Amino acid sequence: MTTFDRVKVLAEKQKISIVELEEKLGFGRNSLYSWKKKTPNGENLKKVADYFNVTTDYLLGRSKNLNILETIAAHIDPNATEKELQEIINFIEEKQKQHQKEETIDLVKIASKYDEDIAKFVKENPDFRYEVLEQVSDEEAVSSVKSFIEIYKQNNL
């Protein structure tokens, strides 16, 4: 599934056409359709992710989770009592606190060890960072960082 396909599914869920979405976000005509074949620029990717309240990793296909609150909300019993709902809210707040304390993994550091082009790019761009919370394989690190570098370059960041 391409980035465009994910955006299209999200738009359909909200009963909005791709053309309407482009207009709401101030994009040029057919700009989202171009995402079928090319990597979107980072700024536009962020705008779409913010509009749908999803992560850019989800849009790029690097994560299956839209967002944690949507996942939890989909599993809440509609007949839940006020007390049960408050317990759910307390649980979410506790998880958010724990998440803020989690250590991140520097994918750039890992990928630089295995790919000369990435290592060179990092030397030229010392502020370039890409951190995640979950361990990934070395190959996934290299692939993810290369994709992120492309977005970084497209946006002249």
C-alpha atoms as a PDB file:
ATOM      1  CA  MET A   1       0.000   0.000   0.000  1.00  0.00           C
ATOM      2  CA  THR A   2       1.416   3.379  -1.017  1.00  0.00           C
ATOM      3  CA  THR A   3       1.305   6.588   0.984  1.00  0.00           C
ATOM      4  CA  PHE A   4      -1.434   7.761  -1.368  1.00  0.00           C
ATOM      5  CA  ASP A   5      -3.459   4.600  -0.675  1.00  0.00           C
ATOM      6  CA  ARG A   6      -3.274   5.240   3.074  1.00  0.00           C
ATOM      7  CA  VAL A   7      -4.356   8.869   2.606  1.00  0.00           C
ATOM      8  CA  LYS A   8      -7.224   7.771   0.373  1.00  0.00           C
ATOM      9  CA  VAL A   9      -8.492   5.289   2.995  1.00  0.00           C
ATOM     10  CA  LEU A  10      -8.307   7.970   5.700  1.00  0.00           C
ATOM     11  CA  ALA A  11     -10.143  10.450   3.465  1.00  0.00           C
ATOM     12  CA  GLU A  12     -12.861   7.914   2.688  1.00  0.00           C
ATOM     13  CA  LYS A  13     -13.358   7.267   6.414  1.00  0.00           C
ATOM     14  CA  GLN A  14     -13.963  10.989   6.889  1.00  0.00           C
ATOM     15  CA  LYS A  15     -16.136  11.164   3.754  1.00  0.00           C
ATOM     16  CA  ILE A  16     -13.875  13.667   2.036  1.00  0.00           C
ATOM     17  CA  SER A  17     -12.514  13.425  -1.502  1.00  0.00           C
ATOM     18  CA  ILE A  18      -8.831  13.718  -2.355  1.00  0.00           C
ATOM     19  CA  VAL A  19      -9.575  16.938  -4.254  1.00  0.00           C
ATOM     20  CA  GLU A  20     -11.341  18.399  -1.190  1.00  0.00           C
ATOM     21  CA  LEU A  21      -8.428  17.375   1.019  1.00  0.00           C
ATOM     22  CA  GLU A  22      -5.946  19.048  -1.335  1.00  0.00           C
ATOM     23  CA  GLU A  23      -8.030  22.241  -1.209  1.00  0.00           C
ATOM     24  CA  LYS A  24      -8.333  22.194   2.606  1.00  0.00           C
ATOM     25  CA  LEU A  25      -4.573  21.738   2.989  1.00  0.00           C
ATOM     26  CA  GLY A  26      -3.668  24.301   0.328  1.00  0.00           C
ATOM     27  CA  PHE A  27      -2.027  21.738  -1.961  1.00  0.00           C
ATOM     28  CA  GLY A  28      -1.928  22.030  -5.738  1.00  0.00           C
ATOM     29  CA  ARG A  29      -4.343  19.988  -7.836  1.00  0.00           C
ATOM     30  CA  ASN A  30      -3.312  16.303  -8.120  1.00  0.00           C
ATOM     31  CA  SER A  31      -0.399  16.750  -5.714  1.00  0.00           C
ATOM     32  CA  LEU A  32      -1.640  13.910  -3.505  1.00  0.00           C
ATOM     33  CA  TYR A  33      -2.087  11.660  -6.540  1.00  0.00           C
ATOM     34  CA  SER A  34       1.634  12.082  -7.237  1.00  0.00           C
ATOM     35  CA  TRP A  35       2.271  10.251  -3.942  1.00  0.00           C
ATOM     36  CA  LYS A  36       1.380   7.026  -5.757  1.00  0.00           C
ATOM     37  CA  LYS A  37       4.824   7.026  -7.346  1.00  0.00           C
ATOM     38  CA  LYS A  38       7.059   9.395  -5.404  1.00  0.00           C
ATOM     39  CA  THR A  39       7.926  10.125  -1.809  1.00  0.00           C
ATOM     40  CA  PRO A  40       6.022  13.149  -0.499  1.00  0.00           C
ATOM     41  CA  ASN A  41       7.923  16.116   0.849  1.00  0.00           C
ATOM     42  CA  GLY A  42       8.153  16.260   4.612  1.00  0.00           C
ATOM     43  CA  GLU A  43       6.108  19.423   5.132  1.00  0.00           C
ATOM     44  CA  ASN A  44       3.139  18.134   3.128  1.00  0.00           C
ATOM     45  CA  LEU A  45       3.432  14.744   4.793  1.00  0.00           C
ATOM     46  CA  LYS A  46       3.219  16.442   8.209  1.00  0.00           C
ATOM     47  CA  LYS A  47       0.187  18.481   7.118  1.00  0.00           C
ATOM     48  CA  VAL A  48      -1.695  15.346   6.062  1.00  0.00           C
ATOM     49  CA  ALA A  49      -0.671  13.480   9.226  1.00  0.00           C
ATOM     50  CA  ASP A  50      -1.840  16.401  11.386  1.00  0.00           C
ATOM     51  CA  TYR A  51      -5.115  16.683   9.473  1.00  0.00           C
ATOM     52  CA  PHE A  52      -5.954  13.022  10.078  1.00  0.00           C
ATOM     53  CA  ASN A  53      -4.283  12.899  13.508  1.00  0.00           C
ATOM     54  CA  VAL A  54      -1.995  10.033  12.485  1.00  0.00           C
ATOM     55  CA  THR A  55       1.768   9.619  12.479  1.00  0.00           C
ATOM     56  CA  THR A  56       3.959  10.262   9.461  1.00  0.00           C
ATOM     57  CA  ASP A  57       5.346   6.754  10.019  1.00  0.00           C
ATOM     58  CA  TYR A  58       1.840   5.389   9.501  1.00  0.00           C
ATOM     59  CA  LEU A  59       1.457   7.332   6.238  1.00  0.00           C
ATOM     60  CA  LEU A  60       4.845   6.077   5.027  1.00  0.00           C
ATOM     61  CA  GLY A  61       3.981   2.481   5.901  1.00  0.00           C
ATOM     62  CA  ARG A  62       6.558   2.152   8.666  1.00  0.00           C
ATOM     63  CA  SER A  63       3.929   1.689  11.376  1.00  0.00           C
ATOM     64  CA  LYS A  64       0.568  -0.030  11.396  1.00  0.00           C
ATOM     65  CA  ASN A  65      -0.784   2.108  14.236  1.00  0.00           C
ATOM     66  CA  LEU A  66      -2.813   5.149  13.296  1.00  0.00           C
ATOM     67  CA  ASN A  67      -2.598   6.512  16.798  1.00  0.00           C
ATOM     68  CA  ILE A  68      -2.888   4.975  20.230  1.00  0.00           C
ATOM     69  CA  LEU A  69      -6.025   6.840  21.294  1.00  0.00           C
ATOM     70  CA  GLU A  70      -7.947   5.678  18.234  1.00  0.00           C
ATOM     71  CA  THR A  71      -6.881   2.097  18.917  1.00  0.00           C
ATOM     72  CA  ILE A  72      -8.003   2.288  22.529  1.00  0.00           C
ATOM     73  CA  ALA A  73     -11.260   4.071  21.673  1.00  0.00           C
ATOM     74  CA  ALA A  74     -12.169   1.341  19.194  1.00  0.00           C
ATOM     75  CA  HIS A  75     -12.016  -1.226  21.991  1.00  0.00           C
ATOM     76  CA  ILE A  76     -14.019   0.619  24.647  1.00  0.00           C
ATOM     77  CA  ASP A  77     -17.364  -0.943  25.470  1.00  0.00           C
ATOM     78  CA  PRO A  78     -20.082   1.575  24.545  1.00  0.00           C
ATOM     79  CA  ASN A  79     -21.902   0.540  27.745  1.00  0.00           C
ATOM     80  CA  ALA A  80     -18.940   1.398  29.980  1.00  0.00           C
ATOM     81  CA  THR A  81     -19.770   3.165  33.220  1.00  0.00           C
ATOM     82  CA  GLU A  82     -18.379   6.554  34.214  1.00  0.00           C
ATOM     83  CA  LYS A  83     -16.068   4.801  36.668  1.00  0.00           C
ATOM     84  CA  GLU A  84     -14.764   2.451  33.951  1.00  0.00           C
ATOM     85  CA  LEU A  85     -14.200   5.375  31.582  1.00  0.00           C
ATOM     86  CA  GLN A  86     -12.276   7.236  34.291  1.00  0.00           C
ATOM     87  CA  GLU A  87     -10.100   4.138  34.838  1.00  0.00           C
ATOM     88  CA  ILE A  88      -9.378   4.054  31.101  1.00  0.00           C
ATOM     89  CA  ILE A  89      -8.435   7.746  31.111  1.00  0.00           C
ATOM     90  CA  ASN A  90      -6.166   7.202  34.134  1.00  0.00           C
ATOM     91  CA  PHE A  91      -4.522   4.261  32.362  1.00  0.00           C
ATOM     92  CA  ILE A  92      -3.896   6.334  29.231  1.00  0.00           C
ATOM     93  CA  GLU A  93      -2.427   9.198  31.249  1.00  0.00           C
ATOM     94  CA  GLU A  94      -0.093   6.798  33.076  1.00  0.00           C
ATOM     95  CA  LYS A  95       1.043   5.255  29.786  1.00  0.00           C
ATOM     96  CA  GLN A  96       1.716   8.724  28.382  1.00  0.00           C
ATOM     97  CA  LYS A  97       3.907   9.534  31.383  1.00  0.00           C
ATOM     98  CA  GLN A  98       5.812   6.270  30.948  1.00  0.00           C
ATOM     99  CA  HIS A  99       6.204   6.907  27.233  1.00  0.00           C
ATOM    100  CA  GLN A 100       7.722  10.337  27.879  1.00  0.00           C
ATOM    101  CA  LYS A 101      10.390   8.694  30.061  1.00  0.00           C
ATOM    102  CA  GLU A 102      11.320   5.993  27.525  1.00  0.00           C
ATOM    103  CA  GLU A 103      14.786   5.906  26.062  1.00  0.00           C
ATOM    104  CA  THR A 104      15.008   6.373  22.319  1.00  0.00           C
ATOM    105  CA  ILE A 105      17.182   4.444  19.880  1.00  0.00           C
ATOM    106  CA  ASP A 106      19.301   6.518  17.498  1.00  0.00           C
ATOM    107  CA  LEU A 107      18.727   4.936  14.070  1.00  0.00           C
ATOM    108  CA  VAL A 108      21.190   7.311  12.420  1.00  0.00           C
ATOM    109  CA  LYS A 109      24.016   6.030  14.604  1.00  0.00           C
ATOM    110  CA  ILE A 110      23.136   2.407  13.821  1.00  0.00           C
ATOM    111  CA  ALA A 111      22.644   2.977  10.086  1.00  0.00           C
ATOM    112  CA  SER A 112      25.892   4.977   9.796  1.00  0.00           C
ATOM    113  CA  LYS A 113      27.839   1.881  10.832  1.00  0.00           C
ATOM    114  CA  TYR A 114      26.462  -0.133   7.928  1.00  0.00           C
ATOM    115  CA  ASP A 115      26.139   2.369   5.098  1.00  0.00           C
ATOM    116  CA  GLU A 116      28.883   4.712   3.860  1.00  0.00           C
ATOM    117  CA  ASP A 117      26.444   7.109   2.151  1.00  0.00           C
ATOM    118  CA  ILE A 118      24.525   7.586   5.394  1.00  0.00           C
ATOM    119  CA  ALA A 119      27.753   8.075   7.344  1.00  0.00           C
ATOM    120  CA  LYS A 120      28.865  10.722   4.845  1.00  0.00           C
ATOM    121  CA  PHE A 121      25.482  12.483   4.982  1.00  0.00           C
ATOM    122  CA  VAL A 122      25.598  12.550   8.787  1.00  0.00           C
ATOM    123  CA  LYS A 123      29.085  14.071   8.752  1.00  0.00           C
ATOM    124  CA  GLU A 124      27.812  16.802   6.441  1.00  0.00           C
ATOM    125  CA  ASN A 125      24.612  17.273   8.474  1.00  0.00           C
ATOM    126  CA  PRO A 126      25.553  16.815  12.138  1.00  0.00           C
ATOM    127  CA  ASP A 127      22.117  17.947  13.384  1.00  0.00           C
ATOM    128  CA  PHE A 128      20.325  15.204  11.425  1.00  0.00           C
ATOM    129  CA  ARG A 129      18.473  12.924  13.873  1.00  0.00           C
ATOM    130  CA  TYR A 130      16.066  10.008  13.609  1.00  0.00           C
ATOM    131  CA  GLU A 131      15.116   8.293  16.836  1.00  0.00           C
ATOM    132  CA  VAL A 132      12.613   5.527  17.545  1.00  0.00           C
ATOM    133  CA  LEU A 133      11.338   3.761  20.627  1.00  0.00           C
ATOM    134  CA  GLU A 134      11.535   0.178  19.380  1.00  0.00           C
ATOM    135  CA  GLN A 135      14.585  -1.811  18.364  1.00  0.00           C
ATOM    136  CA  VAL A 136      14.767  -2.583  14.639  1.00  0.00           C
ATOM    137  CA  SER A 137      17.133  -4.707  12.611  1.00  0.00           C
ATOM    138  CA  ASP A 138      20.233  -3.115  11.118  1.00  0.00           C
ATOM    139  CA  GLU A 139      18.738  -3.506   7.630  1.00  0.00           C
ATOM    140  CA  GLU A 140      15.518  -1.764   8.705  1.00  0.00           C
ATOM    141  CA  ALA A 141      17.552   1.028  10.279  1.00  0.00           C
ATOM    142  CA  VAL A 142      19.467   1.601   7.037  1.00  0.00           C
ATOM    143  CA  SER A 143      16.304   1.494   4.933  1.00  0.00           C
ATOM    144  CA  SER A 144      14.375   3.838   7.231  1.00  0.00           C
ATOM    145  CA  VAL A 145      17.206   6.339   7.515  1.00  0.00           C
ATOM    146  CA  LYS A 146      17.703   6.375   3.729  1.00  0.00           C
ATOM    147  CA  SER A 147      13.982   7.129   3.271  1.00  0.00           C
ATOM    148  CA  PHE A 148      14.136   9.860   5.884  1.00  0.00           C
ATOM    149  CA  ILE A 149      17.234  11.381   4.258  1.00  0.00           C
ATOM    150  CA  GLU A 150      15.310  11.624   0.972  1.00  0.00           C
ATOM    151  CA  ILE A 151      12.517  13.514   2.693  1.00  0.00           C
ATOM    152  CA  TYR A 152      15.093  15.662   4.490  1.00  0.00           C
ATOM    153  CA  LYS A 153      16.785  16.535   1.186  1.00  0.00           C
ATOM    154  CA  GLN A 154      13.502  17.238  -0.614  1.00  0.00           C
ATOM    155  CA  ASN A 155      12.634  19.789   2.025  1.00  0.00           C
ATOM    156  CA  ASN A 156      16.079  21.339   2.228  1.00  0.00           C
ATOM    157  CA  LEU A 157      15.996  20.915   6.003  1.00  0.00           C
END
